[in-house]
Amino acid sequence: MGLKEGTRAARLAKVVGLVGLVGVGATGCSTDEVLRFGWPVAVTPQAERMRELWTWSVVAALAVGVIVWGLILWSVAFHRKKSEELPRQVAYNLPLELVLIVVPTVIVAVLFYFTAVTQNYVTKKTGDVDVTVDVIGFQWNWEFRYPEYKTARDNQPVSTIGTSGEVPLLVVPQGRSIRFNLESTDVIHSFYVPEFHFKRDVFPKPHKNNQDNAFEISQIDRTGSFVGRCAELCGVYHAVMNFEVRALEPAVFDRYMDLRAKDNPKTGQPYSAAEALTELDCGELCTPFAVTTKPFDTDRTVREASGAGNK
């Protein structure tokens, strides 16, 4: 039974629908942006699966919300107090009670199922990956080691260490599977790349404490630069403990690692990440410094003079 034309309820429904359409149109968002509901564009298959779970969970929540809002408006429009007469009292309504039990149970079961399936896919580890990166977090920066790539000088893993003056670049290949092994040298940190739609805490001595400190991505879908952050409050400079993921084409990545394993003839030391990228000269992706974030001076003795300090 539809709403009768010209009634207050019909007019209210039209107004609500118009406001909704204007609200969506005024954002200027594409369909893809609307369905992401604020999430960044995914760059891995695992991230896209997480996005799908998020989208359909929100759609389900909105559907439930629309039903509830509709029932509230229906009650307001058609069941207002019309007299002092007490309405007919109903103690029990078995069909309604069954609906109120069965429907929420089904909703929770469906959400649980798809959450479990997505979680198993995202956290699955094959043990057979193209590149392995050991991620070491410390107050308040990052070190990235490549255990499969050794330097010619001392046969140690190629490593990139961030400093207060340089944001560390986590250079990885686009289109190849990658495993990240996480460990902290001090307090708990958290490895988070928004475009991965995934983060994992970085614990000290994870193996000793039986903690799962590794995850894999099957590939990064496109080249680019993506900011990474520490997502666990770890101290005074937690907010600026950033890094940058730099996804290069596979052939360019191979050349990059070849350089990192060699000594730079200009310095007599192994190529740093910045020096290797400069040598590659592959355009914007070979910028020797981070482009998604900037370093922060962690020297607490540096103070800007203030009026209060001069008194």
Protein backbone atom coordinates (compact mmCIF):
# COMPACT_ATOMS: atom_id res chain seq x y z
CA MET A 1 0.00 0.00 0.00
CA GLY A 2 1.62 3.25 -1.12
CA LEU A 3 1.40 6.66 0.41
CA LYS A 4 -1.68 8.60 -0.61
CA GLU A 5 -0.90 11.56 -2.86
CA GLY A 6 -1.23 14.92 -1.14
CA THR A 7 -1.01 13.60 2.42
CA ARG A 8 1.53 14.87 4.92
CA ALA A 9 3.39 11.54 4.88
CA ALA A 10 3.68 11.63 1.09
CA ARG A 11 5.01 15.18 1.14
CA LEU A 12 7.47 14.25 3.88
CA ALA A 13 8.73 11.27 1.87
CA LYS A 14 9.29 13.47 -1.17
CA VAL A 15 11.20 16.03 0.88
CA VAL A 16 13.41 13.36 2.44
CA GLY A 17 14.14 11.83 -0.98
CA LEU A 18 14.94 15.22 -2.49
CA VAL A 19 17.28 16.12 0.37
CA GLY A 20 19.07 12.78 -0.06
CA LEU A 21 19.56 13.29 -3.79
CA VAL A 22 20.79 16.85 -3.32
CA GLY A 23 23.16 15.71 -0.58
CA VAL A 24 24.73 13.03 -2.80
CA GLY A 25 24.88 15.32 -5.83
CA ALA A 26 26.40 18.23 -3.89
CA THR A 27 29.39 16.13 -2.85
CA GLY A 28 30.55 15.86 -6.45
CA CYS A 29 31.66 12.29 -5.79
CA SER A 30 31.76 9.55 -8.41
CA THR A 31 29.95 6.25 -7.85
CA ASP A 32 33.25 4.60 -6.90
CA GLU A 33 34.01 7.30 -4.33
CA VAL A 34 30.53 7.01 -2.83
CA LEU A 35 30.81 3.22 -2.50
CA ARG A 36 34.20 3.51 -0.80
CA PHE A 37 32.55 5.57 1.97
CA GLY A 38 35.73 7.54 2.67
CA TRP A 39 38.29 4.75 2.31
CA PRO A 40 41.44 5.35 0.19
CA VAL A 41 41.70 3.70 -3.23
CA ALA A 42 42.98 0.16 -2.71
CA VAL A 43 46.34 -0.80 -4.25
CA THR A 44 46.43 -4.53 -3.40
CA PRO A 45 43.97 -7.40 -3.96
CA GLN A 46 43.77 -7.84 -0.18
CA ALA A 47 42.91 -4.16 0.25
CA GLU A 48 40.18 -4.40 -2.40
CA ARG A 49 38.64 -7.37 -0.58
CA MET A 50 38.64 -5.32 2.62
CA ARG A 51 36.99 -2.46 0.75
CA GLU A 52 34.25 -4.75 -0.52
CA LEU A 53 33.54 -5.97 3.02
CA TRP A 54 33.41 -2.37 4.24
CA THR A 55 31.10 -1.26 1.41
CA TRP A 56 28.55 -4.02 1.86
CA SER A 57 28.65 -3.72 5.66
CA VAL A 58 27.81 -0.04 5.38
CA VAL A 59 25.10 -0.75 2.80
CA ALA A 60 23.57 -3.31 5.15
CA ALA A 61 23.74 -0.87 8.05
CA LEU A 62 22.11 1.86 5.95
CA ALA A 63 19.37 -0.53 4.86
CA VAL A 64 18.58 -1.35 8.48
CA GLY A 65 18.73 2.35 9.28
CA VAL A 66 16.29 3.23 6.50
CA ILE A 67 13.82 0.64 7.77
CA VAL A 68 14.09 1.95 11.34
CA TRP A 69 13.79 5.58 10.23
CA GLY A 70 10.79 4.65 8.08
CA LEU A 71 9.06 2.95 10.99
CA ILE A 72 9.74 5.98 13.19
CA LEU A 73 8.32 8.38 10.60
CA TRP A 74 5.35 6.07 10.00
CA SER A 75 4.59 6.04 13.72
CA VAL A 76 4.88 9.83 13.91
CA ALA A 77 2.66 10.36 10.87
CA PHE A 78 -0.08 7.79 11.52
CA HIS A 79 -0.09 7.10 15.23
CA ARG A 80 -0.24 10.49 16.82
CA LYS A 81 -2.47 10.97 19.83
CA LYS A 82 -5.98 11.74 18.56
CA SER A 83 -8.01 11.50 21.76
CA GLU A 84 -7.83 10.74 25.45
CA GLU A 85 -9.03 7.20 24.87
CA LEU A 86 -6.47 4.54 25.82
CA PRO A 87 -5.45 2.52 22.71
CA ARG A 88 -6.07 -1.20 22.64
CA GLN A 89 -3.36 -2.96 24.65
CA VAL A 90 -1.59 -6.03 23.25
CA ALA A 91 0.53 -8.04 25.66
CA TYR A 92 2.24 -10.37 23.20
CA ASN A 93 2.72 -10.53 19.45
CA LEU A 94 4.41 -13.84 18.71
CA PRO A 95 5.02 -13.29 14.96
CA LEU A 96 6.59 -9.88 15.63
CA GLU A 97 8.78 -11.24 18.41
CA LEU A 98 10.00 -14.05 16.17
CA VAL A 99 10.87 -11.54 13.46
CA LEU A 100 12.77 -9.37 15.96
CA ILE A 101 14.80 -12.41 17.03
CA VAL A 102 15.36 -14.16 13.70
CA VAL A 103 16.20 -11.14 11.51
CA PRO A 104 19.00 -9.70 13.73
CA THR A 105 20.42 -13.22 14.18
CA VAL A 106 20.54 -13.74 10.41
CA ILE A 107 22.16 -10.31 9.89
CA VAL A 108 24.86 -11.02 12.48
CA ALA A 109 25.51 -14.51 11.07
CA VAL A 110 25.89 -13.19 7.51
CA LEU A 111 28.23 -10.39 8.60
CA PHE A 112 30.27 -12.85 10.68
CA TYR A 113 30.61 -15.23 7.72
CA PHE A 114 31.84 -12.62 5.26
CA THR A 115 34.13 -11.07 7.89
CA ALA A 116 35.74 -14.45 8.60
CA VAL A 117 36.18 -15.22 4.88
CA THR A 118 37.77 -11.83 4.23
CA GLN A 119 40.02 -12.07 7.28
CA ASN A 120 41.28 -15.51 6.23
CA TYR A 121 42.06 -14.20 2.75
CA VAL A 122 43.85 -11.07 3.98
CA THR A 123 45.96 -12.84 6.63
CA LYS A 124 46.79 -15.93 4.55
CA LYS A 125 50.52 -16.65 4.25
CA THR A 126 51.81 -18.86 1.44
CA GLY A 127 55.48 -18.79 2.39
CA ASP A 128 56.30 -18.51 -1.32
CA VAL A 129 56.81 -14.81 -2.11
CA ASP A 130 58.99 -12.83 -4.50
CA VAL A 131 60.34 -10.28 -2.01
CA THR A 132 60.76 -10.32 1.78
CA VAL A 133 61.13 -7.14 3.83
CA ASP A 134 62.05 -7.10 7.52
CA VAL A 135 60.43 -4.04 9.09
CA ILE A 136 62.05 -2.81 12.32
CA GLY A 137 60.28 -0.06 14.24
CA PHE A 138 62.03 2.07 16.83
CA GLN A 139 61.39 5.38 18.56
CA TRP A 140 60.65 7.22 16.30
CA ASN A 141 61.50 5.85 12.90
CA TRP A 142 61.81 2.75 10.73
CA GLU A 143 64.41 0.41 9.27
CA PHE A 144 63.70 -1.77 6.23
CA ARG A 145 65.94 -4.75 5.54
CA TYR A 146 65.95 -6.96 2.46
CA PRO A 147 67.37 -10.30 3.69
CA GLU A 148 67.48 -11.79 0.18
CA TYR A 149 69.71 -8.98 -1.13
CA LYS A 150 73.26 -8.72 0.26
CA THR A 151 75.81 -5.93 -0.03
CA ALA A 152 79.05 -6.75 -1.84
CA ARG A 153 81.09 -5.01 0.86
CA ASP A 154 80.21 -7.13 3.91
CA ASN A 155 77.51 -9.55 2.72
CA GLN A 156 74.94 -7.93 5.01
CA PRO A 157 71.29 -7.41 4.03
CA VAL A 158 70.53 -4.24 2.10
CA SER A 159 68.99 -1.84 4.60
CA THR A 160 67.31 1.57 4.69
CA ILE A 161 67.18 3.43 8.02
CA GLY A 162 65.17 6.57 8.58
CA THR A 163 66.52 9.55 10.51
CA SER A 164 65.01 12.71 11.91
CA GLY A 165 66.14 14.46 8.73
CA GLU A 166 65.15 11.80 6.20
CA VAL A 167 61.90 9.86 5.83
CA PRO A 168 62.78 6.21 5.02
CA LEU A 169 61.70 4.89 1.62
CA LEU A 170 60.34 1.34 1.52
CA VAL A 171 61.07 0.53 -2.12
CA VAL A 172 59.16 -2.51 -3.43
CA PRO A 173 58.22 -3.93 -6.84
CA GLN A 174 54.79 -3.46 -8.36
CA GLY A 175 53.14 -6.71 -9.46
CA ARG A 176 55.13 -9.07 -7.20
CA SER A 177 54.20 -10.78 -3.95
CA ILE A 178 55.77 -9.33 -0.80
CA ARG A 179 56.09 -10.59 2.77
CA PHE A 180 56.56 -8.15 5.65
CA ASN A 181 58.18 -9.38 8.90
CA LEU A 182 57.58 -6.89 11.70
CA GLU A 183 59.58 -6.34 14.89
CA SER A 184 60.22 -3.51 17.33
CA THR A 185 63.40 -2.71 19.24
CA ASP A 186 61.64 -0.90 22.09
CA VAL A 187 57.91 -0.24 22.52
CA ILE A 188 54.86 -1.35 20.52
CA HIS A 189 54.47 0.39 17.17
CA SER A 190 52.05 -0.28 14.30
CA PHE A 191 52.79 -0.66 10.58
CA TYR A 192 50.03 1.07 8.61
CA VAL A 193 49.71 2.00 4.94
CA PRO A 194 46.23 3.50 4.30
CA GLU A 195 46.11 2.23 0.70
CA PHE A 196 46.71 -1.32 2.01
CA HIS A 197 43.54 -1.01 4.17
CA PHE A 198 45.50 -3.01 6.73
CA LYS A 199 47.70 -2.44 9.74
CA ARG A 200 49.49 -4.71 12.18
CA ASP A 201 51.09 -3.96 15.51
CA VAL A 202 54.89 -4.16 15.68
CA PHE A 203 55.92 -5.89 18.92
CA PRO A 204 59.33 -6.33 20.56
CA LYS A 205 60.49 -9.97 20.56
CA PRO A 206 57.39 -11.27 18.71
CA HIS A 207 58.63 -14.87 18.40
CA LYS A 208 59.41 -15.13 22.09
CA ASN A 209 55.87 -13.99 22.87
CA ASN A 210 54.20 -16.23 20.24
CA GLN A 211 52.88 -13.29 18.23
CA ASP A 212 52.10 -13.37 14.52
CA ASN A 213 54.40 -10.68 13.19
CA ALA A 214 54.13 -11.29 9.44
CA PHE A 215 51.69 -10.66 6.62
CA GLU A 216 51.77 -10.93 2.85
CA ILE A 217 50.32 -9.06 -0.09
CA SER A 218 49.97 -10.82 -3.42
CA GLN A 219 50.97 -7.66 -5.30
CA ILE A 220 50.76 -3.89 -5.47
CA ASP A 221 48.50 -3.17 -8.42
CA ARG A 222 50.12 0.05 -9.63
CA THR A 223 53.30 2.02 -9.29
CA GLY A 224 53.26 5.05 -7.03
CA SER A 225 54.20 6.57 -3.70
CA PHE A 226 52.07 5.80 -0.64
CA VAL A 227 52.50 7.26 2.82
CA GLY A 228 52.99 4.88 5.74
CA ARG A 229 52.46 5.65 9.41
CA CYS A 230 52.83 4.31 12.90
CA ALA A 231 49.26 3.72 14.10
CA GLU A 232 50.06 2.92 17.75
CA LEU A 233 50.79 5.62 20.32
CA CYS A 234 54.48 4.99 20.97
CA GLY A 235 55.82 8.17 22.53
CA VAL A 236 56.22 11.87 22.15
CA TYR A 237 56.97 11.82 18.39
CA HIS A 238 54.52 9.07 17.46
CA ALA A 239 52.55 11.40 15.15
CA VAL A 240 55.56 12.02 12.89
CA MET A 241 56.85 8.44 12.73
CA ASN A 242 56.15 8.16 9.01
CA PHE A 243 57.63 6.34 6.05
CA GLU A 244 56.88 6.05 2.35
CA VAL A 245 56.18 2.99 0.22
CA ARG A 246 57.64 3.48 -3.26
CA ALA A 247 56.28 0.91 -5.73
CA LEU A 248 58.48 0.64 -8.83
CA GLU A 249 58.10 -1.37 -12.01
CA PRO A 250 59.76 -4.80 -11.54
CA ALA A 251 62.64 -4.10 -13.93
CA VAL A 252 63.36 -0.76 -12.26
CA PHE A 253 63.21 -2.39 -8.83
CA ASP A 254 65.75 -5.02 -9.93
CA ARG A 255 68.12 -2.28 -11.09
CA TYR A 256 67.56 -0.45 -7.80
CA MET A 257 68.52 -3.51 -5.75
CA ASP A 258 71.55 -4.14 -7.95
CA LEU A 259 72.77 -0.63 -7.11
CA ARG A 260 72.00 -1.03 -3.40
CA ALA A 261 74.26 -4.08 -3.33
CA LYS A 262 77.20 -2.14 -4.82
CA ASP A 263 79.50 0.59 -3.56
CA ASN A 264 78.93 4.11 -4.81
CA PRO A 265 82.22 5.13 -6.49
CA LYS A 266 81.63 8.73 -5.41
CA THR A 267 81.46 7.91 -1.70
CA GLY A 268 83.19 4.54 -1.42
CA GLN A 269 80.17 3.31 0.58
CA PRO A 270 77.18 1.18 -0.46
CA TYR A 271 74.52 3.10 -2.34
CA SER A 272 71.87 4.59 -0.09
CA ALA A 273 68.22 4.51 -1.16
CA ALA A 274 68.38 8.16 -2.22
CA GLU A 275 71.63 7.67 -4.17
CA ALA A 276 70.31 4.58 -5.96
CA LEU A 277 67.08 6.31 -6.97
CA THR A 278 69.01 9.34 -8.20
CA GLU A 279 71.25 7.06 -10.26
CA LEU A 280 68.22 5.32 -11.82
CA ASP A 281 66.72 8.65 -12.94
CA CYS A 282 63.29 7.15 -13.75
CA GLY A 283 61.24 10.28 -13.29
CA GLU A 284 58.99 11.14 -10.36
CA LEU A 285 59.14 7.61 -8.93
CA CYS A 286 62.91 8.00 -8.56
CA THR A 287 62.68 11.15 -6.47
CA PRO A 288 65.37 10.59 -3.81
CA PHE A 289 63.22 11.87 -0.94
CA ALA A 290 59.69 11.20 0.27
CA VAL A 291 56.94 13.01 -1.63
CA THR A 292 53.95 12.00 0.52
CA THR A 293 55.28 13.26 3.86
CA LYS A 294 58.20 15.22 5.25
CA PRO A 295 60.69 14.78 8.10
CA PHE A 296 60.22 16.36 11.50
CA ASP A 297 63.00 17.76 13.66
CA THR A 298 63.01 15.59 16.79
CA ASP A 299 65.70 17.62 18.55
CA ARG A 300 63.80 18.71 21.67
CA THR A 301 66.48 21.29 22.52
CA VAL A 302 65.47 23.30 19.47
CA ARG A 303 63.03 25.93 20.70
CA GLU A 304 61.51 28.85 18.91
CA ALA A 305 61.79 32.02 20.96
CA SER A 306 58.49 33.09 22.45
CA GLY A 307 57.32 36.18 24.24
CA ALA A 308 56.93 34.19 27.44
CA GLY A 309 60.49 32.90 27.19
CA ASN A 310 61.90 36.41 27.05
CA LYS A 311 60.31 37.48 30.30
